[in-house]
Amino acid sequence: MIEVWILAFALSMDAFAVSIGLGIKNKQDIKIMALKAGLFFGIFQALMPFLGFLGGIGLREYIQGYDKIVAFVLLLLIGGKMLYEAFTENIEEEIAQVTNKLLLTLAIATSLDAMAAGYSLHLFSVNVYLSIFIIGIITFIISYIGVYVGKSGGEKYESKAEILGGVVLILIGFKILLF
């Protein structure tokens, strides 16, 4: 079950980095923005791994014997993408006005990686529903905090969160492949 907690933390780093950007640009009530960011990101970070898990079940018969390699490659690609984004993107410059439509778009964009990571859940032999709940709650909390970090001048933490999340996902991928 520790893998699920680590996975939840790593997956939430995308949402954390974006939440910092939201906090930096936020002109609304900070409590409302933090709650909205937590809800949007938490719900989608929980939904997408579940969809990935279901997709993995459907593909299991076709990739049986290769499932650890597939999970490793997916987590390696996701982690690598997060590392790349940490060094190339600057989210606070991209946010002009924080609307619900923007939050929905950001929630979907940051959770697509989680869909691919959800495929690996069947390799952990854990309760999937509890795992999805943990991923959603952790992302809610991390995103909520991220808005406050951004509000208090958190530009310097934004890329560090992406780096940490990327490295952790790559390490989880290696654990799946090797053990």
N, C-alpha and C. Protein backbone atom coordinates (compact mmCIF):
# COMPACT_ATOMS: atom_id res chain seq x y z
N MET A 1 0.82 -1.21 0.00
CA MET A 1 0.00 0.00 0.00
C MET A 1 0.86 1.27 0.00
N ILE A 2 2.11 1.14 0.45
CA ILE A 2 2.99 2.31 0.46
C ILE A 2 3.20 2.83 -0.96
N GLU A 3 3.19 1.92 -1.94
CA GLU A 3 3.35 2.34 -3.33
C GLU A 3 2.24 3.28 -3.76
N VAL A 4 1.04 3.04 -3.28
CA VAL A 4 -0.10 3.89 -3.64
C VAL A 4 0.09 5.29 -3.07
N TRP A 5 0.54 5.39 -1.83
CA TRP A 5 0.78 6.70 -1.22
C TRP A 5 1.87 7.45 -1.98
N ILE A 6 2.93 6.74 -2.34
CA ILE A 6 4.01 7.37 -3.10
C ILE A 6 3.52 7.79 -4.48
N LEU A 7 2.76 6.91 -5.13
CA LEU A 7 2.19 7.23 -6.45
C LEU A 7 1.28 8.45 -6.35
N ALA A 8 0.44 8.49 -5.32
CA ALA A 8 -0.48 9.62 -5.13
C ALA A 8 0.29 10.93 -4.98
N PHE A 9 1.34 10.87 -4.18
CA PHE A 9 2.16 12.07 -3.98
C PHE A 9 2.82 12.50 -5.29
N ALA A 10 3.40 11.55 -6.00
CA ALA A 10 4.09 11.87 -7.26
C ALA A 10 3.12 12.43 -8.30
N LEU A 11 1.95 11.80 -8.43
CA LEU A 11 0.97 12.28 -9.40
C LEU A 11 0.44 13.67 -9.05
N SER A 12 0.40 13.98 -7.77
CA SER A 12 -0.13 15.28 -7.36
C SER A 12 0.83 16.43 -7.63
N MET A 13 2.07 16.13 -7.98
CA MET A 13 3.05 17.19 -8.20
C MET A 13 2.72 18.07 -9.40
N ASP A 14 2.16 17.49 -10.45
CA ASP A 14 1.70 18.31 -11.58
C ASP A 14 0.65 19.31 -11.10
N ALA A 15 -0.33 18.82 -10.36
CA ALA A 15 -1.40 19.68 -9.85
C ALA A 15 -0.84 20.70 -8.87
N PHE A 16 0.14 20.30 -8.07
CA PHE A 16 0.77 21.22 -7.12
C PHE A 16 1.44 22.37 -7.86
N ALA A 17 2.21 22.05 -8.89
CA ALA A 17 2.90 23.08 -9.66
C ALA A 17 1.91 24.05 -10.31
N VAL A 18 0.84 23.51 -10.88
CA VAL A 18 -0.18 24.36 -11.50
C VAL A 18 -0.90 25.18 -10.43
N SER A 19 -1.16 24.59 -9.28
CA SER A 19 -1.83 25.31 -8.19
C SER A 19 -0.98 26.47 -7.69
N ILE A 20 0.33 26.28 -7.66
CA ILE A 20 1.21 27.39 -7.30
C ILE A 20 1.02 28.54 -8.30
N GLY A 21 0.99 28.19 -9.58
CA GLY A 21 0.75 29.21 -10.61
C GLY A 21 -0.59 29.90 -10.43
N LEU A 22 -1.60 29.12 -10.05
CA LEU A 22 -2.93 29.70 -9.80
C LEU A 22 -2.87 30.66 -8.62
N GLY A 23 -2.16 30.28 -7.58
CA GLY A 23 -2.03 31.14 -6.41
C GLY A 23 -1.30 32.43 -6.72
N ILE A 24 -0.31 32.34 -7.60
CA ILE A 24 0.46 33.52 -7.99
C ILE A 24 -0.44 34.51 -8.74
N LYS A 25 -1.27 34.01 -9.64
CA LYS A 25 -2.11 34.85 -10.49
C LYS A 25 -3.49 35.15 -9.92
N ASN A 26 -3.86 34.49 -8.85
CA ASN A 26 -5.22 34.58 -8.32
C ASN A 26 -5.58 36.00 -7.88
N LYS A 27 -6.74 36.44 -8.34
CA LYS A 27 -7.28 37.74 -7.92
C LYS A 27 -8.56 37.55 -7.11
N GLN A 28 -8.97 36.29 -6.93
CA GLN A 28 -10.20 35.97 -6.20
C GLN A 28 -9.87 35.74 -4.73
N ASP A 29 -10.90 35.42 -3.97
CA ASP A 29 -10.74 35.03 -2.58
C ASP A 29 -9.85 33.78 -2.55
N ILE A 30 -8.76 33.83 -1.80
CA ILE A 30 -7.78 32.74 -1.79
C ILE A 30 -8.39 31.43 -1.28
N LYS A 31 -9.30 31.51 -0.32
CA LYS A 31 -9.93 30.29 0.22
C LYS A 31 -10.78 29.60 -0.85
N ILE A 32 -11.53 30.40 -1.59
CA ILE A 32 -12.38 29.83 -2.65
C ILE A 32 -11.50 29.24 -3.76
N MET A 33 -10.44 29.96 -4.15
CA MET A 33 -9.55 29.46 -5.20
C MET A 33 -8.88 28.15 -4.77
N ALA A 34 -8.42 28.08 -3.53
CA ALA A 34 -7.76 26.87 -3.03
C ALA A 34 -8.74 25.70 -3.01
N LEU A 35 -9.96 25.96 -2.57
CA LEU A 35 -10.98 24.90 -2.53
C LEU A 35 -11.33 24.43 -3.94
N LYS A 36 -11.53 25.37 -4.85
CA LYS A 36 -11.86 24.99 -6.23
C LYS A 36 -10.72 24.21 -6.89
N ALA A 37 -9.50 24.67 -6.71
CA ALA A 37 -8.35 23.96 -7.29
C ALA A 37 -8.26 22.56 -6.70
N GLY A 38 -8.41 22.44 -5.38
CA GLY A 38 -8.36 21.13 -4.74
C GLY A 38 -9.43 20.19 -5.27
N LEU A 39 -10.64 20.70 -5.42
CA LEU A 39 -11.74 19.86 -5.91
C LEU A 39 -11.54 19.46 -7.37
N PHE A 40 -11.23 20.42 -8.22
CA PHE A 40 -11.04 20.10 -9.64
C PHE A 40 -9.91 19.09 -9.83
N PHE A 41 -8.75 19.40 -9.25
CA PHE A 41 -7.60 18.52 -9.43
C PHE A 41 -7.79 17.18 -8.72
N GLY A 42 -8.34 17.21 -7.52
CA GLY A 42 -8.55 15.97 -6.78
C GLY A 42 -9.50 15.01 -7.47
N ILE A 43 -10.60 15.53 -7.98
CA ILE A 43 -11.58 14.68 -8.66
C ILE A 43 -10.98 14.06 -9.93
N PHE A 44 -10.31 14.88 -10.72
CA PHE A 44 -9.77 14.34 -11.98
C PHE A 44 -8.56 13.43 -11.75
N GLN A 45 -7.75 13.74 -10.73
CA GLN A 45 -6.62 12.85 -10.44
C GLN A 45 -7.11 11.52 -9.89
N ALA A 46 -8.30 11.45 -9.35
CA ALA A 46 -8.87 10.18 -8.90
C ALA A 46 -9.56 9.45 -10.05
N LEU A 47 -10.25 10.20 -10.88
CA LEU A 47 -11.00 9.59 -11.99
C LEU A 47 -10.08 8.98 -13.04
N MET A 48 -9.06 9.68 -13.43
CA MET A 48 -8.21 9.22 -14.53
C MET A 48 -7.45 7.93 -14.23
N PRO A 49 -6.87 7.75 -13.04
CA PRO A 49 -6.22 6.46 -12.78
C PRO A 49 -7.22 5.30 -12.79
N PHE A 50 -8.44 5.58 -12.37
CA PHE A 50 -9.46 4.53 -12.41
C PHE A 50 -9.73 4.12 -13.85
N LEU A 51 -9.84 5.11 -14.74
CA LEU A 51 -10.04 4.80 -16.16
C LEU A 51 -8.84 4.05 -16.73
N GLY A 52 -7.64 4.45 -16.31
CA GLY A 52 -6.44 3.74 -16.74
C GLY A 52 -6.41 2.31 -16.23
N PHE A 53 -6.85 2.12 -15.01
CA PHE A 53 -6.92 0.78 -14.43
C PHE A 53 -7.89 -0.09 -15.23
N LEU A 54 -9.06 0.47 -15.53
CA LEU A 54 -10.04 -0.29 -16.32
C LEU A 54 -9.50 -0.62 -17.70
N GLY A 55 -8.81 0.32 -18.30
CA GLY A 55 -8.19 0.06 -19.60
C GLY A 55 -7.14 -1.02 -19.51
N GLY A 56 -6.38 -1.02 -18.42
CA GLY A 56 -5.36 -2.04 -18.21
C GLY A 56 -5.96 -3.42 -18.08
N ILE A 57 -7.11 -3.51 -17.41
CA ILE A 57 -7.79 -4.80 -17.28
C ILE A 57 -8.20 -5.30 -18.66
N GLY A 58 -8.72 -4.40 -19.49
CA GLY A 58 -9.14 -4.78 -20.83
C GLY A 58 -7.98 -5.23 -21.71
N LEU A 59 -6.81 -4.66 -21.48
CA LEU A 59 -5.64 -5.00 -22.29
C LEU A 59 -4.81 -6.14 -21.72
N ARG A 60 -5.12 -6.54 -20.49
CA ARG A 60 -4.28 -7.50 -19.78
C ARG A 60 -4.04 -8.77 -20.58
N GLU A 61 -5.06 -9.31 -21.21
CA GLU A 61 -4.88 -10.57 -21.94
C GLU A 61 -3.94 -10.41 -23.13
N TYR A 62 -3.86 -9.21 -23.68
CA TYR A 62 -3.00 -8.98 -24.84
C TYR A 62 -1.54 -8.72 -24.46
N ILE A 63 -1.33 -8.18 -23.26
CA ILE A 63 0.03 -7.82 -22.88
C ILE A 63 0.55 -8.62 -21.69
N GLN A 64 -0.17 -9.67 -21.33
CA GLN A 64 0.26 -10.49 -20.20
C GLN A 64 1.68 -10.98 -20.47
N GLY A 65 2.50 -10.90 -19.49
CA GLY A 65 3.90 -11.24 -19.65
C GLY A 65 4.75 -10.01 -19.91
N TYR A 66 4.12 -8.97 -20.41
CA TYR A 66 4.82 -7.71 -20.69
C TYR A 66 4.30 -6.58 -19.81
N ASP A 67 3.35 -6.89 -18.91
CA ASP A 67 2.69 -5.82 -18.17
C ASP A 67 3.65 -4.99 -17.32
N LYS A 68 4.67 -5.61 -16.75
CA LYS A 68 5.63 -4.84 -15.96
C LYS A 68 6.45 -3.91 -16.84
N ILE A 69 6.78 -4.37 -18.01
CA ILE A 69 7.54 -3.53 -18.94
C ILE A 69 6.68 -2.36 -19.41
N VAL A 70 5.41 -2.63 -19.71
CA VAL A 70 4.49 -1.57 -20.14
C VAL A 70 4.34 -0.53 -19.03
N ALA A 71 4.12 -0.98 -17.79
CA ALA A 71 3.98 -0.06 -16.66
C ALA A 71 5.26 0.76 -16.48
N PHE A 72 6.40 0.09 -16.57
CA PHE A 72 7.69 0.78 -16.45
C PHE A 72 7.82 1.87 -17.52
N VAL A 73 7.55 1.52 -18.76
CA VAL A 73 7.69 2.48 -19.86
C VAL A 73 6.73 3.66 -19.67
N LEU A 74 5.48 3.37 -19.28
CA LEU A 74 4.52 4.46 -19.06
C LEU A 74 4.99 5.40 -17.96
N LEU A 75 5.42 4.83 -16.83
CA LEU A 75 5.87 5.67 -15.72
C LEU A 75 7.16 6.41 -16.07
N LEU A 76 8.03 5.77 -16.82
CA LEU A 76 9.26 6.43 -17.27
C LEU A 76 8.92 7.62 -18.18
N LEU A 77 8.00 7.42 -19.10
CA LEU A 77 7.59 8.51 -20.00
C LEU A 77 6.91 9.65 -19.24
N ILE A 78 6.03 9.29 -18.31
CA ILE A 78 5.34 10.32 -17.53
C ILE A 78 6.34 11.10 -16.69
N GLY A 79 7.22 10.38 -15.99
CA GLY A 79 8.24 11.03 -15.17
C GLY A 79 9.17 11.89 -16.01
N GLY A 80 9.57 11.38 -17.16
CA GLY A 80 10.42 12.16 -18.06
C GLY A 80 9.74 13.41 -18.56
N LYS A 81 8.44 13.29 -18.86
CA LYS A 81 7.66 14.45 -19.31
C LYS A 81 7.60 15.51 -18.20
N MET A 82 7.41 15.06 -16.96
CA MET A 82 7.37 16.00 -15.85
C MET A 82 8.72 16.71 -15.68
N LEU A 83 9.80 15.96 -15.82
CA LEU A 83 11.13 16.58 -15.72
C LEU A 83 11.35 17.59 -16.84
N TYR A 84 10.95 17.22 -18.05
CA TYR A 84 11.08 18.12 -19.19
C TYR A 84 10.29 19.41 -18.94
N GLU A 85 9.05 19.26 -18.48
CA GLU A 85 8.21 20.43 -18.23
C GLU A 85 8.77 21.31 -17.12
N ALA A 86 9.43 20.69 -16.15
CA ALA A 86 10.00 21.45 -15.04
C ALA A 86 11.07 22.43 -15.54
N PHE A 87 11.74 22.04 -16.60
CA PHE A 87 12.82 22.88 -17.11
C PHE A 87 12.43 23.75 -18.30
N THR A 88 11.21 23.57 -18.83
CA THR A 88 10.86 24.31 -20.04
C THR A 88 9.61 25.17 -19.93
N GLU A 89 8.69 24.88 -19.03
CA GLU A 89 7.43 25.61 -18.98
C GLU A 89 7.40 26.56 -17.79
N ASN A 90 6.59 27.59 -17.94
CA ASN A 90 6.41 28.57 -16.89
C ASN A 90 4.92 28.86 -16.79
N ILE A 91 4.22 28.13 -15.92
CA ILE A 91 2.75 28.15 -15.87
C ILE A 91 2.19 29.52 -15.51
N GLU A 92 2.87 30.28 -14.64
CA GLU A 92 2.25 31.53 -14.24
C GLU A 92 2.14 32.53 -15.37
N GLU A 93 2.96 32.38 -16.41
CA GLU A 93 2.84 33.26 -17.55
C GLU A 93 1.67 32.87 -18.45
N GLU A 94 1.21 31.63 -18.33
CA GLU A 94 0.15 31.13 -19.19
C GLU A 94 -1.25 31.44 -18.64
N ILE A 95 -1.35 31.79 -17.40
CA ILE A 95 -2.65 31.99 -16.76
C ILE A 95 -3.00 33.47 -16.78
N ALA A 96 -4.04 33.82 -17.49
CA ALA A 96 -4.46 35.21 -17.55
C ALA A 96 -5.57 35.47 -16.53
N GLN A 97 -6.63 34.67 -16.56
CA GLN A 97 -7.74 34.82 -15.63
C GLN A 97 -8.19 33.42 -15.24
N VAL A 98 -8.38 33.22 -13.95
CA VAL A 98 -8.74 31.89 -13.44
C VAL A 98 -10.26 31.75 -13.45
N THR A 99 -10.75 30.96 -14.40
CA THR A 99 -12.18 30.67 -14.51
C THR A 99 -12.40 29.18 -14.26
N ASN A 100 -13.66 28.80 -14.08
CA ASN A 100 -13.96 27.37 -13.91
C ASN A 100 -13.59 26.59 -15.17
N LYS A 101 -13.77 27.20 -16.33
CA LYS A 101 -13.40 26.54 -17.58
C LYS A 101 -11.89 26.29 -17.62
N LEU A 102 -11.12 27.27 -17.20
CA LEU A 102 -9.66 27.10 -17.15
C LEU A 102 -9.29 26.01 -16.14
N LEU A 103 -9.93 26.03 -14.97
CA LEU A 103 -9.65 25.00 -13.97
C LEU A 103 -9.97 23.60 -14.50
N LEU A 104 -11.08 23.47 -15.20
CA LEU A 104 -11.45 22.18 -15.78
C LEU A 104 -10.39 21.73 -16.80
N THR A 105 -9.98 22.65 -17.65
CA THR A 105 -8.97 22.34 -18.66
C THR A 105 -7.66 21.93 -18.00
N LEU A 106 -7.24 22.67 -16.98
CA LEU A 106 -6.00 22.34 -16.27
C LEU A 106 -6.12 21.01 -15.54
N ALA A 107 -7.29 20.75 -14.95
CA ALA A 107 -7.49 19.49 -14.23
C ALA A 107 -7.39 18.30 -15.18
N ILE A 108 -7.99 18.43 -16.34
CA ILE A 108 -7.91 17.34 -17.33
C ILE A 108 -6.47 17.18 -17.81
N ALA A 109 -5.83 18.28 -18.13
CA ALA A 109 -4.46 18.23 -18.66
C ALA A 109 -3.49 17.61 -17.66
N THR A 110 -3.61 17.98 -16.39
CA THR A 110 -2.68 17.45 -15.39
C THR A 110 -3.00 16.01 -15.00
N SER A 111 -4.20 15.55 -15.29
CA SER A 111 -4.58 14.20 -14.87
C SER A 111 -4.43 13.16 -15.97
N LEU A 112 -4.12 13.57 -17.19
CA LEU A 112 -3.94 12.59 -18.27
C LEU A 112 -2.78 11.65 -17.96
N ASP A 113 -1.72 12.18 -17.35
CA ASP A 113 -0.61 11.32 -16.93
C ASP A 113 -1.09 10.28 -15.92
N ALA A 114 -2.00 10.69 -15.05
CA ALA A 114 -2.52 9.78 -14.03
C ALA A 114 -3.29 8.63 -14.65
N MET A 115 -3.90 8.86 -15.81
CA MET A 115 -4.62 7.78 -16.48
C MET A 115 -3.63 6.68 -16.87
N ALA A 116 -2.51 7.07 -17.43
CA ALA A 116 -1.50 6.08 -17.80
C ALA A 116 -0.94 5.39 -16.57
N ALA A 117 -0.72 6.14 -15.50
CA ALA A 117 -0.20 5.54 -14.27
C ALA A 117 -1.21 4.59 -13.65
N GLY A 118 -2.49 4.85 -13.85
CA GLY A 118 -3.54 3.97 -13.31
C GLY A 118 -3.44 2.56 -13.81
N TYR A 119 -2.88 2.40 -15.00
CA TYR A 119 -2.67 1.06 -15.53
C TYR A 119 -1.86 0.20 -14.56
N SER A 120 -0.89 0.82 -13.88
CA SER A 120 0.03 0.07 -13.01
C SER A 120 -0.62 -0.37 -11.70
N LEU A 121 -1.79 0.11 -11.37
CA LEU A 121 -2.41 -0.23 -10.08
C LEU A 121 -2.62 -1.73 -9.90
N HIS A 122 -2.94 -2.45 -10.97
CA HIS A 122 -3.17 -3.89 -10.81
C HIS A 122 -1.88 -4.64 -10.45
N LEU A 123 -0.73 -4.02 -10.65
CA LEU A 123 0.54 -4.66 -10.31
C LEU A 123 0.88 -4.55 -8.83
N PHE A 124 0.18 -3.70 -8.11
CA PHE A 124 0.46 -3.50 -6.69
C PHE A 124 -0.35 -4.40 -5.77
N SER A 125 -1.32 -5.11 -6.27
CA SER A 125 -2.19 -5.97 -5.45
C SER A 125 -2.80 -5.19 -4.30
N VAL A 126 -3.46 -4.10 -4.62
CA VAL A 126 -4.10 -3.24 -3.63
C VAL A 126 -5.57 -3.07 -3.97
N ASN A 127 -6.33 -2.58 -3.01
CA ASN A 127 -7.73 -2.25 -3.24
C ASN A 127 -7.78 -1.02 -4.15
N VAL A 128 -8.28 -1.19 -5.34
CA VAL A 128 -8.27 -0.12 -6.34
C VAL A 128 -9.12 1.07 -5.89
N TYR A 129 -10.27 0.80 -5.31
CA TYR A 129 -11.15 1.90 -4.89
C TYR A 129 -10.51 2.73 -3.78
N LEU A 130 -9.86 2.06 -2.84
CA LEU A 130 -9.15 2.78 -1.78
C LEU A 130 -7.99 3.57 -2.38
N SER A 131 -7.30 2.98 -3.33
CA SER A 131 -6.18 3.65 -3.99
C SER A 131 -6.63 4.91 -4.71
N ILE A 132 -7.73 4.82 -5.42
CA ILE A 132 -8.28 5.97 -6.14
C ILE A 132 -8.67 7.07 -5.16
N PHE A 133 -9.28 6.67 -4.05
CA PHE A 133 -9.66 7.62 -3.01
C PHE A 133 -8.42 8.33 -2.46
N ILE A 134 -7.38 7.56 -2.17
CA ILE A 134 -6.14 8.14 -1.63
C ILE A 134 -5.54 9.12 -2.63
N ILE A 135 -5.48 8.74 -3.89
CA ILE A 135 -4.93 9.63 -4.93
C ILE A 135 -5.73 10.93 -4.99
N GLY A 136 -7.05 10.84 -4.95
CA GLY A 136 -7.89 12.04 -5.00
C GLY A 136 -7.72 12.93 -3.79
N ILE A 137 -7.68 12.34 -2.60
CA ILE A 137 -7.54 13.12 -1.37
C ILE A 137 -6.17 13.78 -1.29
N ILE A 138 -5.13 13.02 -1.59
CA ILE A 138 -3.77 13.59 -1.56
C ILE A 138 -3.67 14.75 -2.55
N THR A 139 -4.21 14.57 -3.75
CA THR A 139 -4.15 15.64 -4.75
C THR A 139 -4.96 16.85 -4.29
N PHE A 140 -6.12 16.61 -3.68
CA PHE A 140 -6.91 17.73 -3.16
C PHE A 140 -6.08 18.53 -2.16
N ILE A 141 -5.48 17.85 -1.20
CA ILE A 141 -4.70 18.52 -0.15
C ILE A 141 -3.50 19.26 -0.73
N ILE A 142 -2.75 18.57 -1.60
CA ILE A 142 -1.55 19.16 -2.19
C ILE A 142 -1.92 20.38 -3.05
N SER A 143 -3.00 20.28 -3.81
CA SER A 143 -3.43 21.40 -4.67
C SER A 143 -3.90 22.58 -3.82
N TYR A 144 -4.65 22.28 -2.78
CA TYR A 144 -5.13 23.31 -1.87
C TYR A 144 -3.94 24.09 -1.29
N ILE A 145 -2.96 23.34 -0.81
CA ILE A 145 -1.76 23.96 -0.25
C ILE A 145 -1.00 24.74 -1.33
N GLY A 146 -0.95 24.19 -2.54
CA GLY A 146 -0.22 24.83 -3.64
C GLY A 146 -0.71 26.24 -3.93
N VAL A 147 -2.01 26.46 -3.88
CA VAL A 147 -2.55 27.80 -4.12
C VAL A 147 -2.02 28.77 -3.07
N TYR A 148 -1.97 28.35 -1.81
CA TYR A 148 -1.44 29.21 -0.75
C TYR A 148 0.06 29.45 -0.90
N VAL A 149 0.79 28.41 -1.32
CA VAL A 149 2.22 28.56 -1.56
C VAL A 149 2.44 29.59 -2.66
N GLY A 150 1.66 29.50 -3.73
CA GLY A 150 1.77 30.46 -4.83
C GLY A 150 1.44 31.87 -4.38
N LYS A 151 0.41 32.00 -3.57
CA LYS A 151 -0.01 33.32 -3.09
C LYS A 151 1.09 33.97 -2.26
N SER A 152 1.85 33.15 -1.55
CA SER A 152 2.91 33.70 -0.69
C SER A 152 4.26 33.73 -1.40
N GLY A 153 4.24 33.83 -2.73
CA GLY A 153 5.48 33.99 -3.49
C GLY A 153 6.20 32.69 -3.77
N GLY A 154 5.47 31.70 -4.23
CA GLY A 154 6.04 30.37 -4.40
C GLY A 154 6.60 30.04 -5.76
N GLU A 155 6.98 31.05 -6.55
CA GLU A 155 7.50 30.77 -7.89
C GLU A 155 8.67 29.79 -7.85
N LYS A 156 9.50 29.89 -6.82
CA LYS A 156 10.71 29.06 -6.76
C LYS A 156 10.40 27.59 -6.51
N TYR A 157 9.20 27.25 -6.00
CA TYR A 157 8.86 25.86 -5.71
C TYR A 157 8.21 25.14 -6.88
N GLU A 158 7.74 25.90 -7.84
CA GLU A 158 6.94 25.34 -8.93
C GLU A 158 7.70 24.26 -9.71
N SER A 159 8.88 24.56 -10.20
CA SER A 159 9.61 23.57 -10.99
C SER A 159 10.18 22.47 -10.11
N LYS A 160 10.49 22.77 -8.86
CA LYS A 160 11.00 21.73 -7.95
C LYS A 160 9.95 20.65 -7.70
N ALA A 161 8.69 21.03 -7.64
CA ALA A 161 7.61 20.05 -7.46
C ALA A 161 7.54 19.13 -8.67
N GLU A 162 7.66 19.69 -9.87
CA GLU A 162 7.65 18.88 -11.09
C GLU A 162 8.84 17.92 -11.11
N ILE A 163 10.01 18.40 -10.72
CA ILE A 163 11.20 17.55 -10.71
C ILE A 163 11.01 16.39 -9.74
N LEU A 164 10.55 16.70 -8.53
CA LEU A 164 10.34 15.66 -7.53
C LEU A 164 9.33 14.63 -8.02
N GLY A 165 8.22 15.08 -8.55
CA GLY A 165 7.20 14.16 -9.06
C GLY A 165 7.73 13.28 -10.18
N GLY A 166 8.48 13.86 -11.09
CA GLY A 166 9.05 13.10 -12.20
C GLY A 166 10.01 12.03 -11.74
N VAL A 167 10.91 12.39 -10.83
CA VAL A 167 11.88 11.42 -10.31
C VAL A 167 11.18 10.29 -9.57
N VAL A 168 10.20 10.61 -8.76
CA VAL A 168 9.48 9.58 -8.01
C VAL A 168 8.76 8.62 -8.95
N LEU A 169 8.11 9.12 -9.99
CA LEU A 169 7.43 8.24 -10.94
C LEU A 169 8.41 7.32 -11.66
N ILE A 170 9.56 7.84 -12.02
CA ILE A 170 10.58 7.01 -12.66
C ILE A 170 11.06 5.92 -11.70
N LEU A 171 11.26 6.27 -10.43
CA LEU A 171 11.69 5.28 -9.44
C LEU A 171 10.63 4.20 -9.22
N ILE A 172 9.36 4.59 -9.20
CA ILE A 172 8.29 3.59 -9.08
C ILE A 172 8.32 2.67 -10.29
N GLY A 173 8.54 3.22 -11.47
CA GLY A 173 8.65 2.40 -12.68
C GLY A 173 9.76 1.37 -12.57
N PHE A 174 10.92 1.80 -12.07
CA PHE A 174 12.03 0.85 -11.88
C PHE A 174 11.68 -0.22 -10.86
N LYS A 175 10.99 0.16 -9.79
CA LYS A 175 10.59 -0.82 -8.78
C LYS A 175 9.68 -1.88 -9.39
N ILE A 176 8.72 -1.45 -10.19
CA ILE A 176 7.81 -2.39 -10.85
C ILE A 176 8.60 -3.32 -11.78
N LEU A 177 9.51 -2.77 -12.53
CA LEU A 177 10.27 -3.56 -13.50
C LEU A 177 11.19 -4.57 -12.82
N LEU A 178 11.83 -4.16 -11.74
CA LEU A 178 12.86 -5.00 -11.12
C LEU A 178 12.35 -5.94 -10.03
N PHE A 179 11.20 -5.66 -9.45
CA PHE A 179 10.76 -6.50 -8.32
C PHE A 179 9.44 -7.11 -8.56
